[in-house]
Structure formats: structure tokens, C-alpha cells
Amino acid sequence: MKKGKKRNSFSGSIGFVLAAAGSAVGLGNIWRFPYLAAKDGGGLFLVIYLILAVTFGFTLLTTEIAIGRKTKQSPLTAYTKLQEKWGFLGILACLVPIIIMPYYCAIGGWVIKYFLVFLTGEGAKAATDTYFTTFISKEAEPMILMIIFLLVVSFIIFRGVNRGIESSSKILMPILLLLVLIIAVFSLTITYTDASGVTRTGLQGLKIYLVPDLHGITVKKFFSVLLDAMGQLFFSLSVAMGIMIAYGSYVKDDADLRSSINQIEIFDTGVAFLAGVMILPAVFCFMGREGMGASGPSLMFVSLPKVFDSMGKIGNVVGALFFAMVLFAAITSAVSVMEAVVSSLMDKFHWSREKATLIETGIALVAGIMVCWGYNMLYFNIKLPNGASAQILDVMDYISNNCLMPLVAIGTCILVGWVIKPKCIIDEVEKSGCKFGRKYLYTVMIRYIAPVLLIILLLKSLGILTAI
């Protein structure tokens, strides 16, 4: 039997959309989107992000899903099947999830720790200034929690496309969405009076989030916001890391790709927006405008525990619900990251799913331990080309997200736009009989606009372009 006939597929469009949305809705949405929105003028960032989502993001998302379904291959082998001389793109695309998986599991371990802390009513401890750094500096505990997170993800992948990825997405994604809505609504009802007698409300924080702040806007500032929004789309839509190619390869030929892609965009953008509604009004209430400047781990593991602690007794409940939601988001994203690697190993070397999963788990385990030890016995501090200070986790994040992902996206645009031509992707989308309504926009984006924007983003990430 040909190995192409053995390939599993999602049982239907709902399973595919929930799995793809689960991949897209991850830590990037929760801890990076709100920070960028606060930094880049609130509504101004939202408007630019939305425009880019339906143009730039739509183009990359459509391309990768269509490549996956057309070739019925994972990222490592799909590019070779499209055009033999472009197989190097598959190698780069596969390297991204290999690098991301270990540090994503390390962060997943941190999330487990904070979920347990708030679940057991010890949230006040997590609100102290040194709690987070003390925790990640330990040699054993972060490593053990990282391993637990990794084993959960490996178990889901081990069970396969239908019993693992699809089934878990159908359970976790509705719960995640419900928790997001509950916390977002609660965040808007908060009122807090600080020691100086100033009263702030969640609705005031929402106004800062939604209303465009054009004060001091310049051409340079506008392009900076544009590149921030474009960079966020990589995190939000899980493009340029092989994931959507892998998931696309499991989509049946008669599925309506256009409809599924639209649903993924709506789901992801909606959750990213709600992440801001969850976090920014609450942070504004308890920490003021200046508190909205935290990002990444600092926002989630330092600033937000202080916010939950300021809520009083209900803070432990809200904190536990929040970190449960983050944990679900981290698991669904990590599942997609691991699947991109496992499916690549299966397609390239014709290994069984069990063997490929065990090998990738071993790679992630060893590298994940190094990430955890990067805050104690393997600690160092270097300066990256973009000016940021970095330890092992930050270096891996920089290589994967700031260097490899833009390179993969640029290469994909050139391959589709000028070598195999956009019609190849358009025909794949329309194969099931649906009409590709944005095909002219797609052609212009994939050939001209997206490559230029991506090159600018890459040059900025490498520290070569400093004017923006």
C-alpha cells in the first residue's frame, strides 16, 4: 500500500478549524498581543492588525494550508514535492518547530506552577517581586514541570490525528473560549481605588485599549506599529513554522478551504482581541497606565499575579481560571508544534507515529532541560542584534521567530508567487467547488506586497534596519 493512502485526515471541517485555531491561540496571543496594543496606541494597533489579518495573514495562512492539502505532505517534504530545488525551505520550516518546542514546554511548566499556586489559594506568594525569578532559578522544579507538560503533549500526539489532536481540540477549545469570555467580562466590571484616592475602572482601561491614540504619530511610528502588528501575525496565525502545512495535509480534498480559513482567522483574531479585554482593563485598574507596559513573561508571571492579589479573596479564583485558560492555550499550541515535527519525520523517513513521537519527545526533553538550566547552572546574558538581552530561551526564540520564520515566509512567497505561480494555490482552494473570492488580492499580496513587508521585518529583526 502506498504511504499516501495511509495518511490520516480530520473527520470534518469543525475538527480542522478547532485544531488550527488551537494552534493559533497560544501564548503569543495572550502575553504579546495586549502589550503591543497598549504600546502602539490601542485602537491604532487594532485597526492595523485587523487590516493585515485579512490581507497579509490571510495570504500566508491560505498558502500554507493549500500547500499541505495539495502535497499531502508535512513541511519537511512538501516543498520538495512542489518544486524539487526548493526543498531547503522545508528544512528551514521544520527547524522552526524543533527549536520552539523545548522552550514552549519550559514555559508550559511555568504555567502549570502558577495554576497550582492559585488553585491552592497561595496566589499572594506569586505576587511578591522575587517569586518568579526565584522559581525559574531553581534546578529541579521547573525541569519537572516542563517534563510533565511535554508528556501531556506527547501523549496527545501519540494518539494520532483523530483520537489525539482532533479529539483534544474539540474538548479544550470550547472550554478555553468559555474561560476567555468569563474573565473578559469580569475584567470590565472591576473598580479599584488606590492609596492616593484615585479610582479606576475596567471600562476606562477598555477605552484606552479600543480608542486609537494618534498623539505624536509620525511616519516612523506608523511603520513601527505596522511591523509590530505583522510580527504578531506570525505568532497569532502559526504561519511560517510548518504547522499549517502539516494540518493542511490532513484536510480532505472535498473540504471548503476558503470557509475554513475564514473561520480560523475569525477565531484567532477574536481570541487575540479578547486577550486584550481580559488583561489590559484589569492591569489598568490596579497598576495604572504605566502597568500596561509589561510584556511576555513579565506580564503573565509578574504583573498579573499582583493584579489578582489586589482583588482580595476572589483573586485566587480568577487567577486559577486565568492560568487554566493559559494552560489549555499552551497545550493546543504545543500539540501543533510537535505535530509539525512528528509528521515531518514520518513523511521523510517513513517512521511510525510512535517512533517519530518518541524521538521528538527525546529531542525536546534534552533541549528543554537546557532551557530550564539556562536560568541557573547554564546562565549567561548576551546582547542580541535587535538590542534585547538574552538567555538560552531568548536566543532560541530569536533564532526561530525573528530569523527563520521571516526567511521561510519570504521563500514561500517567492516560490508560490514567481516559480509555481499563484494559480497553483488558487486552483487548490477552488478544487472542492468553492469560489476563491479574494484571489486577486491574494495574487498581489503573494507576489509583491508580502515579500517586501517580510524583507523589511527581517532586516529590522537582524538589527540592519534601525530607522524604523
Protein backbone atom coordinates (compact mmCIF):
# COMPACT_ATOMS: atom_id res chain seq x y z
CA MET A 1 0.00 0.00 0.00
CA LYS A 2 1.32 3.45 -0.87
CA LYS A 3 2.12 5.56 2.13
CA GLY A 4 -0.04 8.37 0.70
CA LYS A 5 -3.10 6.15 1.25
CA LYS A 6 -2.20 5.59 4.90
CA ARG A 7 -2.36 9.28 5.76
CA ASN A 8 -4.98 10.18 8.33
CA SER A 9 -7.31 13.13 7.90
CA PHE A 10 -9.54 15.30 10.05
CA SER A 11 -13.04 13.87 10.24
CA GLY A 12 -14.57 17.18 9.17
CA SER A 13 -14.11 20.93 8.86
CA ILE A 14 -15.01 21.54 12.53
CA GLY A 15 -12.17 19.31 13.71
CA PHE A 16 -9.71 21.02 11.37
CA VAL A 17 -10.80 24.55 12.30
CA LEU A 18 -10.65 23.84 16.05
CA ALA A 19 -7.22 22.18 15.73
CA ALA A 20 -5.84 25.02 13.58
CA ALA A 21 -7.41 27.65 15.84
CA GLY A 22 -5.98 25.82 18.85
CA SER A 23 -2.56 26.12 17.26
CA ALA A 24 -3.07 29.81 16.56
CA VAL A 25 -4.46 30.65 20.01
CA GLY A 26 -1.35 30.37 22.12
CA LEU A 27 0.94 32.31 24.44
CA GLY A 28 1.68 34.85 21.69
CA ASN A 29 -1.95 35.92 21.71
CA ILE A 30 -2.19 36.12 25.48
CA TRP A 31 1.01 37.81 26.55
CA ARG A 32 2.19 39.63 23.41
CA PHE A 33 -0.96 40.99 21.76
CA PRO A 34 -2.18 43.05 24.78
CA TYR A 35 1.29 44.50 25.35
CA LEU A 36 1.67 45.58 21.71
CA ALA A 37 -1.83 47.07 21.71
CA ALA A 38 -1.01 49.11 24.82
CA LYS A 39 2.38 50.19 23.43
CA ASP A 40 1.19 51.04 19.93
CA GLY A 41 -1.73 53.34 20.52
CA GLY A 42 -4.54 50.93 21.40
CA GLY A 43 -7.10 51.15 18.63
CA LEU A 44 -4.44 52.17 16.09
CA PHE A 45 -2.72 48.83 16.56
CA LEU A 46 -6.07 47.00 16.45
CA VAL A 47 -7.08 48.61 13.14
CA ILE A 48 -3.70 47.92 11.51
CA TYR A 49 -3.68 44.36 12.85
CA LEU A 50 -7.18 43.68 11.52
CA ILE A 51 -6.28 45.01 8.05
CA LEU A 52 -3.12 42.90 7.99
CA ALA A 53 -5.03 39.82 9.22
CA VAL A 54 -7.42 39.88 6.23
CA THR A 55 -4.64 40.62 3.73
CA PHE A 56 -1.12 39.61 4.77
CA GLY A 57 -2.12 36.95 7.33
CA PHE A 58 -4.83 35.56 5.06
CA THR A 59 -2.27 35.20 2.25
CA LEU A 60 0.27 33.23 4.29
CA LEU A 61 -2.39 31.11 6.00
CA THR A 62 -4.08 30.22 2.72
CA THR A 63 -0.76 29.39 1.08
CA GLU A 64 0.43 27.01 3.78
CA ILE A 65 -2.87 25.15 4.23
CA ALA A 66 -3.22 24.78 0.46
CA ILE A 67 0.38 23.53 0.12
CA GLY A 68 -0.32 20.92 2.79
CA ARG A 69 -3.52 19.66 1.19
CA LYS A 70 -2.10 19.71 -2.34
CA THR A 71 1.04 17.74 -1.49
CA LYS A 72 -0.40 15.63 1.36
CA GLN A 73 2.98 16.11 2.97
CA SER A 74 4.41 17.71 6.09
CA PRO A 75 6.67 20.82 5.86
CA LEU A 76 9.94 18.90 5.57
CA THR A 77 8.87 17.16 2.35
CA ALA A 78 6.05 19.36 0.98
CA TYR A 79 8.31 21.98 -0.62
CA THR A 80 10.31 19.31 -2.44
CA LYS A 81 7.09 17.89 -3.87
CA LEU A 82 6.08 21.37 -5.09
CA GLN A 83 9.47 22.15 -6.63
CA GLU A 84 12.42 19.82 -6.09
CA LYS A 85 15.09 22.54 -5.94
CA TRP A 86 13.19 24.34 -3.15
CA GLY A 87 13.45 21.52 -0.62
CA PHE A 88 15.74 23.67 1.54
CA LEU A 89 12.66 25.70 2.56
CA GLY A 90 11.20 22.54 4.05
CA ILE A 91 14.31 22.05 6.16
CA LEU A 92 14.10 25.63 7.47
CA ALA A 93 10.35 25.30 8.09
CA CYS A 94 10.92 22.10 10.07
CA LEU A 95 13.75 23.62 12.11
CA VAL A 96 11.38 26.28 13.48
CA PRO A 97 9.12 23.91 15.49
CA ILE A 98 12.14 21.82 16.53
CA ILE A 99 13.64 24.95 18.14
CA ILE A 100 10.33 26.25 19.53
CA MET A 101 9.13 23.02 21.19
CA PRO A 102 11.69 22.83 24.05
CA TYR A 103 11.26 26.39 25.29
CA TYR A 104 7.50 26.28 24.80
CA CYS A 105 7.42 23.26 27.11
CA ALA A 106 9.55 25.13 29.65
CA ILE A 107 7.04 27.99 29.64
CA GLY A 108 4.21 25.43 29.81
CA GLY A 109 5.81 24.19 33.02
CA TRP A 110 5.76 27.73 34.41
CA VAL A 111 2.04 27.95 33.63
CA ILE A 112 1.38 24.68 35.49
CA LYS A 113 3.22 26.08 38.51
CA TYR A 114 1.16 29.28 38.62
CA PHE A 115 -2.10 27.40 38.01
CA LEU A 116 -1.37 25.16 41.01
CA VAL A 117 -0.33 28.13 43.16
CA PHE A 118 -3.62 29.97 42.58
CA LEU A 119 -5.68 26.75 42.72
CA THR A 120 -4.34 26.05 46.22
CA GLY A 121 -5.07 29.60 47.40
CA GLU A 122 -1.41 30.68 47.56
CA GLY A 123 -1.71 33.48 44.99
CA ALA A 124 -0.36 36.09 47.41
CA LYS A 125 3.04 34.39 47.29
CA ALA A 126 3.13 34.64 43.49
CA ALA A 127 2.53 38.40 43.75
CA THR A 128 5.83 39.10 45.52
CA ASP A 129 8.56 40.77 43.47
CA THR A 130 11.09 37.93 43.60
CA TYR A 131 8.74 34.92 43.30
CA PHE A 132 9.09 34.36 39.55
CA THR A 133 12.87 34.76 39.33
CA THR A 134 13.32 32.58 42.44
CA PHE A 135 11.16 29.86 40.89
CA ILE A 136 12.83 29.74 37.45
CA SER A 137 16.28 29.84 39.11
CA LYS A 138 15.62 26.50 40.81
CA GLU A 139 17.31 23.49 39.22
CA ALA A 140 14.70 20.76 39.77
CA GLU A 141 11.13 22.13 39.97
CA PRO A 142 10.95 23.97 36.59
CA MET A 143 12.52 20.93 34.92
CA ILE A 144 9.99 18.50 36.45
CA LEU A 145 7.03 20.69 35.46
CA MET A 146 8.46 21.06 31.94
CA ILE A 147 8.63 17.26 31.66
CA ILE A 148 5.01 16.91 32.83
CA PHE A 149 3.85 19.40 30.20
CA LEU A 150 5.90 17.67 27.50
CA LEU A 151 4.48 14.24 28.39
CA VAL A 152 0.89 15.53 28.17
CA VAL A 153 1.56 16.95 24.69
CA SER A 154 3.42 13.80 23.60
CA PHE A 155 0.51 11.63 24.72
CA ILE A 156 -1.93 13.61 22.56
CA ILE A 157 0.38 13.36 19.52
CA PHE A 158 0.97 9.67 20.20
CA ARG A 159 -2.78 9.04 19.88
CA GLY A 160 -2.80 10.41 16.33
CA VAL A 161 -4.74 12.91 14.24
CA ASN A 162 -8.30 11.86 15.11
CA ARG A 163 -8.06 10.35 18.61
CA GLY A 164 -5.37 12.79 19.73
CA ILE A 165 -5.20 16.18 18.01
CA GLU A 166 -8.82 16.45 16.84
CA SER A 167 -10.42 14.97 19.97
CA SER A 168 -8.38 17.11 22.38
CA SER A 169 -9.12 20.26 20.35
CA LYS A 170 -12.86 19.59 20.46
CA ILE A 171 -12.66 19.40 24.26
CA LEU A 172 -10.09 22.07 25.10
CA MET A 173 -11.05 24.83 22.65
CA PRO A 174 -14.68 25.32 23.79
CA ILE A 175 -13.51 25.36 27.43
CA LEU A 176 -10.75 27.82 26.56
CA LEU A 177 -13.17 30.13 24.76
CA LEU A 178 -15.64 29.99 27.68
CA LEU A 179 -12.90 30.88 30.18
CA VAL A 180 -11.71 33.75 27.96
CA LEU A 181 -15.24 35.19 27.83
CA ILE A 182 -15.81 34.81 31.59
CA ILE A 183 -12.52 36.52 32.51
CA ALA A 184 -13.00 39.27 29.89
CA VAL A 185 -16.47 40.13 31.21
CA PHE A 186 -15.20 40.09 34.80
CA SER A 187 -12.30 42.36 33.87
CA LEU A 188 -14.72 45.01 32.61
CA THR A 189 -16.66 45.07 35.89
CA ILE A 190 -13.66 45.88 38.10
CA THR A 191 -13.42 49.14 40.06
CA TYR A 192 -10.39 49.98 42.21
CA THR A 193 -9.36 52.96 44.34
CA ASP A 194 -5.64 53.25 45.02
CA ALA A 195 -3.86 54.63 48.09
CA SER A 196 -3.91 58.17 46.70
CA GLY A 197 -7.69 58.07 46.31
CA VAL A 198 -7.74 57.74 42.52
CA THR A 199 -10.50 55.43 41.27
CA ARG A 200 -10.00 53.49 38.05
CA THR A 201 -12.46 51.18 36.31
CA GLY A 202 -12.19 48.33 33.84
CA LEU A 203 -14.26 50.29 31.33
CA GLN A 204 -11.70 53.11 31.42
CA GLY A 205 -8.99 50.53 30.63
CA LEU A 206 -11.13 49.20 27.78
CA LYS A 207 -11.37 52.73 26.34
CA ILE A 208 -7.57 53.02 26.34
CA TYR A 209 -7.43 49.66 24.57
CA LEU A 210 -10.02 50.46 21.90
CA VAL A 211 -9.71 54.17 21.12
CA PRO A 212 -6.86 54.95 18.67
CA ASP A 213 -4.20 57.15 20.24
CA LEU A 214 -2.80 59.28 17.41
CA HIS A 215 -0.89 61.62 19.72
CA GLY A 216 2.61 62.16 18.36
CA ILE A 217 2.07 59.81 15.43
CA THR A 218 4.73 60.08 12.72
CA VAL A 219 5.54 58.09 9.58
CA LYS A 220 8.29 56.31 11.53
CA LYS A 221 5.91 55.49 14.37
CA PHE A 222 3.26 54.23 11.94
CA PHE A 223 5.70 51.85 10.26
CA SER A 224 6.86 50.67 13.69
CA VAL A 225 3.25 49.79 14.60
CA LEU A 226 2.82 48.14 11.19
CA LEU A 227 5.85 45.89 11.71
CA ASP A 228 4.77 45.07 15.28
CA ALA A 229 1.35 44.00 14.01
CA MET A 230 2.90 41.99 11.19
CA GLY A 231 5.31 40.26 13.55
CA GLN A 232 2.40 39.43 15.86
CA LEU A 233 0.58 37.73 12.99
CA PHE A 234 3.32 35.09 12.85
CA PHE A 235 2.61 34.19 16.48
CA SER A 236 -1.15 34.52 16.13
CA LEU A 237 -1.74 32.50 12.96
CA SER A 238 1.06 29.93 13.40
CA VAL A 239 2.39 30.62 9.90
CA ALA A 240 5.97 30.14 8.66
CA MET A 241 6.63 27.34 11.15
CA GLY A 242 5.34 24.37 9.18
CA ILE A 243 2.29 23.83 11.38
CA MET A 244 -0.39 24.86 8.90
CA ILE A 245 1.25 22.79 6.15
CA ALA A 246 1.09 19.73 8.42
CA TYR A 247 -2.52 20.40 9.41
CA GLY A 248 -3.44 21.21 5.81
CA SER A 249 -2.14 17.81 4.73
CA TYR A 250 -4.84 16.19 6.89
CA VAL A 251 -7.69 18.13 5.24
CA LYS A 252 -9.91 16.16 2.87
CA ASP A 253 -10.00 17.18 -0.81
CA ASP A 254 -13.72 17.93 -0.73
CA ALA A 255 -13.45 20.32 2.25
CA ASP A 256 -14.23 24.01 1.69
CA LEU A 257 -10.80 25.54 2.36
CA ARG A 258 -11.98 29.12 1.89
CA SER A 259 -14.64 28.77 4.58
CA SER A 260 -12.26 27.01 6.99
CA ILE A 261 -9.56 29.66 6.54
CA ASN A 262 -12.09 32.44 7.21
CA GLN A 263 -13.23 30.68 10.39
CA ILE A 264 -9.64 30.25 11.61
CA GLU A 265 -8.98 33.97 11.02
CA ILE A 266 -12.13 35.00 12.88
CA PHE A 267 -11.48 32.62 15.78
CA ASP A 268 -7.84 33.66 16.19
CA THR A 269 -8.43 37.40 15.82
CA GLY A 270 -11.39 37.22 18.20
CA VAL A 271 -9.40 35.47 20.92
CA ALA A 272 -6.44 37.83 20.45
CA PHE A 273 -8.81 40.79 20.87
CA LEU A 274 -10.44 39.21 23.94
CA ALA A 275 -6.98 38.59 25.43
CA GLY A 276 -6.57 42.35 25.47
CA VAL A 277 -10.03 42.76 27.06
CA MET A 278 -9.08 40.19 29.71
CA ILE A 279 -5.76 41.70 30.64
CA LEU A 280 -5.49 45.43 29.91
CA PRO A 281 -8.57 46.75 31.81
CA ALA A 282 -7.57 44.74 34.91
CA VAL A 283 -3.93 45.85 34.73
CA PHE A 284 -5.03 49.48 34.25
CA CYS A 285 -7.36 49.28 37.27
CA PHE A 286 -4.76 48.06 39.72
CA MET A 287 -1.48 49.32 38.23
CA GLY A 288 -2.44 52.38 36.18
CA ARG A 289 -1.27 53.32 32.70
CA GLU A 290 2.36 52.55 33.50
CA GLY A 291 1.48 48.96 34.45
CA MET A 292 0.30 48.30 30.91
CA GLY A 293 3.88 48.39 29.61
CA ALA A 294 4.84 44.87 30.75
CA SER A 295 5.17 42.15 28.11
CA GLY A 296 5.88 38.46 27.78
CA PRO A 297 6.77 36.53 30.96
CA SER A 298 6.91 39.81 32.91
CA LEU A 299 3.25 40.50 32.12
CA MET A 300 1.95 36.99 32.81
CA PHE A 301 4.12 35.88 35.71
CA VAL A 302 4.89 39.16 37.50
CA SER A 303 2.31 41.86 36.72
CA LEU A 304 -0.87 39.76 36.55
CA PRO A 305 -0.30 37.89 39.85
CA LYS A 306 -0.07 41.32 41.51
CA VAL A 307 -3.38 42.25 39.86
CA PHE A 308 -5.04 39.04 41.10
CA ASP A 309 -3.64 39.59 44.60
CA SER A 310 -5.08 43.12 44.66
CA MET A 311 -8.57 41.65 44.04
CA GLY A 312 -8.68 40.11 47.51
CA LYS A 313 -10.13 36.64 48.17
CA ILE A 314 -11.63 36.32 44.69
CA GLY A 315 -8.15 36.84 43.22
CA ASN A 316 -7.19 33.20 43.75
CA VAL A 317 -10.31 32.05 41.87
CA VAL A 318 -9.75 34.47 38.99
CA GLY A 319 -6.05 33.61 38.90
CA ALA A 320 -6.75 29.87 38.80
CA LEU A 321 -9.29 30.34 35.98
CA PHE A 322 -6.85 32.56 34.07
CA PHE A 323 -3.92 30.16 34.29
CA ALA A 324 -6.20 27.21 33.46
CA MET A 325 -7.13 29.07 30.28
CA VAL A 326 -3.46 29.81 29.53
CA LEU A 327 -2.59 26.16 30.14
CA PHE A 328 -5.22 24.98 27.65
CA ALA A 329 -3.94 27.51 25.10
CA ALA A 330 -0.35 26.39 25.67
CA ILE A 331 -1.24 22.71 25.26
CA THR A 332 -3.17 23.15 21.99
CA SER A 333 -0.35 25.25 20.55
CA ALA A 334 2.38 22.87 21.72
CA VAL A 335 0.46 19.95 20.17
CA SER A 336 0.58 21.67 16.78
CA VAL A 337 4.28 22.49 17.15
CA MET A 338 5.14 18.87 17.95
CA GLU A 339 2.89 17.53 15.17
CA ALA A 340 4.77 19.61 12.59
CA VAL A 341 7.97 17.80 13.58
CA VAL A 342 6.46 14.33 14.05
CA SER A 343 4.63 14.39 10.71
CA SER A 344 7.85 15.54 9.02
CA LEU A 345 9.80 12.62 10.48
CA MET A 346 7.05 10.22 9.42
CA ASP A 347 6.95 11.53 5.84
CA LYS A 348 10.70 11.85 5.37
CA PHE A 349 11.91 8.62 6.98
CA HIS A 350 8.68 6.55 6.78
CA TRP A 351 8.74 6.01 10.55
CA SER A 352 5.68 5.04 12.54
CA ARG A 353 3.91 7.77 14.53
CA GLU A 354 5.02 6.08 17.74
CA LYS A 355 8.71 6.11 16.78
CA ALA A 356 8.61 9.69 15.47
CA THR A 357 6.84 10.88 18.63
CA LEU A 358 9.37 9.20 20.92
CA ILE A 359 12.31 10.71 19.01
CA GLU A 360 10.88 14.24 19.00
CA THR A 361 9.97 13.88 22.69
CA GLY A 362 13.58 12.92 23.41
CA ILE A 363 14.92 15.92 21.46
CA ALA A 364 12.51 18.30 23.23
CA LEU A 365 13.33 16.75 26.61
CA VAL A 366 17.09 17.25 26.33
CA ALA A 367 16.80 20.77 24.90
CA GLY A 368 14.02 21.63 27.36
CA ILE A 369 16.24 20.71 30.31
CA MET A 370 18.93 23.03 28.91
CA VAL A 371 16.36 25.83 28.67
CA CYS A 372 15.37 25.30 32.32
CA TRP A 373 19.01 25.24 33.39
CA GLY A 374 19.59 28.42 31.40
CA TYR A 375 18.34 30.33 34.43
CA ASN A 376 20.72 28.66 36.89
CA MET A 377 23.72 26.43 36.11
CA LEU A 378 23.87 27.36 32.39
CA TYR A 379 23.06 31.04 32.88
CA PHE A 380 24.55 33.68 30.59
CA ASN A 381 23.46 37.08 29.34
CA ILE A 382 24.22 38.26 25.82
CA LYS A 383 23.03 41.09 23.60
CA LEU A 384 21.02 40.13 20.51
CA PRO A 385 21.22 42.03 17.18
CA ASN A 386 17.82 43.60 17.89
CA GLY A 387 19.16 45.06 21.15
CA ALA A 388 17.47 42.67 23.59
CA SER A 389 19.28 40.90 26.43
CA ALA A 390 19.05 37.13 26.17
CA GLN A 391 19.48 33.79 27.91
CA ILE A 392 19.11 30.35 26.27
CA LEU A 393 15.31 30.64 25.89
CA ASP A 394 15.58 34.11 24.36
CA VAL A 395 18.29 33.03 21.92
CA MET A 396 16.16 30.11 20.71
CA ASP A 397 13.13 32.38 20.40
CA TYR A 398 15.14 34.94 18.43
CA ILE A 399 16.57 32.37 16.00
CA SER A 400 13.19 30.73 15.36
CA ASN A 401 10.84 33.70 15.37
CA ASN A 402 12.97 36.63 14.27
CA CYS A 403 15.25 34.92 11.75
CA LEU A 404 13.95 31.58 10.43
CA MET A 405 10.23 32.39 10.26
CA PRO A 406 10.63 35.53 8.10
CA LEU A 407 13.09 33.61 5.87
CA VAL A 408 10.60 30.75 5.40
CA ALA A 409 7.79 33.20 4.66
CA ILE A 410 9.89 35.16 2.14
CA GLY A 411 10.97 31.95 0.40
CA THR A 412 7.37 30.70 0.29
CA CYS A 413 6.19 33.97 -1.27
CA ILE A 414 8.88 33.78 -3.97
CA LEU A 415 8.20 30.09 -4.67
CA VAL A 416 4.41 30.50 -4.95
CA GLY A 417 4.40 33.98 -6.44
CA TRP A 418 7.05 33.54 -9.14
CA VAL A 419 8.02 29.87 -9.58
CA ILE A 420 4.90 27.67 -9.37
CA LYS A 421 2.64 30.76 -9.72
CA PRO A 422 -0.37 31.80 -7.55
CA LYS A 423 -2.80 29.88 -9.79
CA CYS A 424 -1.46 26.65 -8.27
CA ILE A 425 -2.74 27.69 -4.82
CA ILE A 426 -5.94 29.27 -6.17
CA ASP A 427 -6.81 26.05 -8.02
CA GLU A 428 -6.23 24.05 -4.84
CA VAL A 429 -8.58 26.30 -2.84
CA GLU A 430 -11.25 26.07 -5.53
CA LYS A 431 -10.83 22.31 -6.03
CA SER A 432 -13.88 21.48 -3.91
CA GLY A 433 -16.08 23.80 -5.95
CA CYS A 434 -15.94 26.88 -3.70
CA LYS A 435 -15.12 30.28 -5.17
CA PHE A 436 -11.91 32.00 -4.04
CA GLY A 437 -13.35 35.49 -3.59
CA ARG A 438 -10.07 37.18 -2.68
CA LYS A 439 -7.92 35.58 -5.38
CA TYR A 440 -6.88 38.88 -6.99
CA LEU A 441 -5.90 40.28 -3.60
CA TYR A 442 -4.07 37.02 -2.91
CA THR A 443 -2.07 37.26 -6.14
CA VAL A 444 -0.96 40.85 -5.48
CA MET A 445 -0.07 40.08 -1.86
CA ILE A 446 1.91 36.88 -2.50
CA ARG A 447 3.89 38.34 -5.42
CA TYR A 448 4.58 41.92 -4.39
CA ILE A 449 3.39 43.29 -1.05
CA ALA A 450 4.04 40.39 1.36
CA PRO A 451 7.68 39.77 0.25
CA VAL A 452 8.56 43.47 0.62
CA LEU A 453 7.00 43.71 4.09
CA LEU A 454 8.70 40.48 5.16
CA ILE A 455 12.12 41.63 3.98
CA ILE A 456 11.71 44.88 5.96
CA LEU A 457 10.65 42.85 9.04
CA LEU A 458 13.66 40.55 8.69
CA LEU A 459 16.10 43.44 8.30
CA LYS A 460 14.68 45.07 11.41
CA SER A 461 14.91 41.81 13.38
CA LEU A 462 18.56 41.40 12.36
CA GLY A 463 19.36 44.93 13.51
CA ILE A 464 20.27 46.00 9.97
CA LEU A 465 17.31 48.36 9.57
CA THR A 466 17.28 50.66 12.60
CA ALA A 467 15.44 53.64 11.12
CA ILE A 468 12.02 52.05 11.88
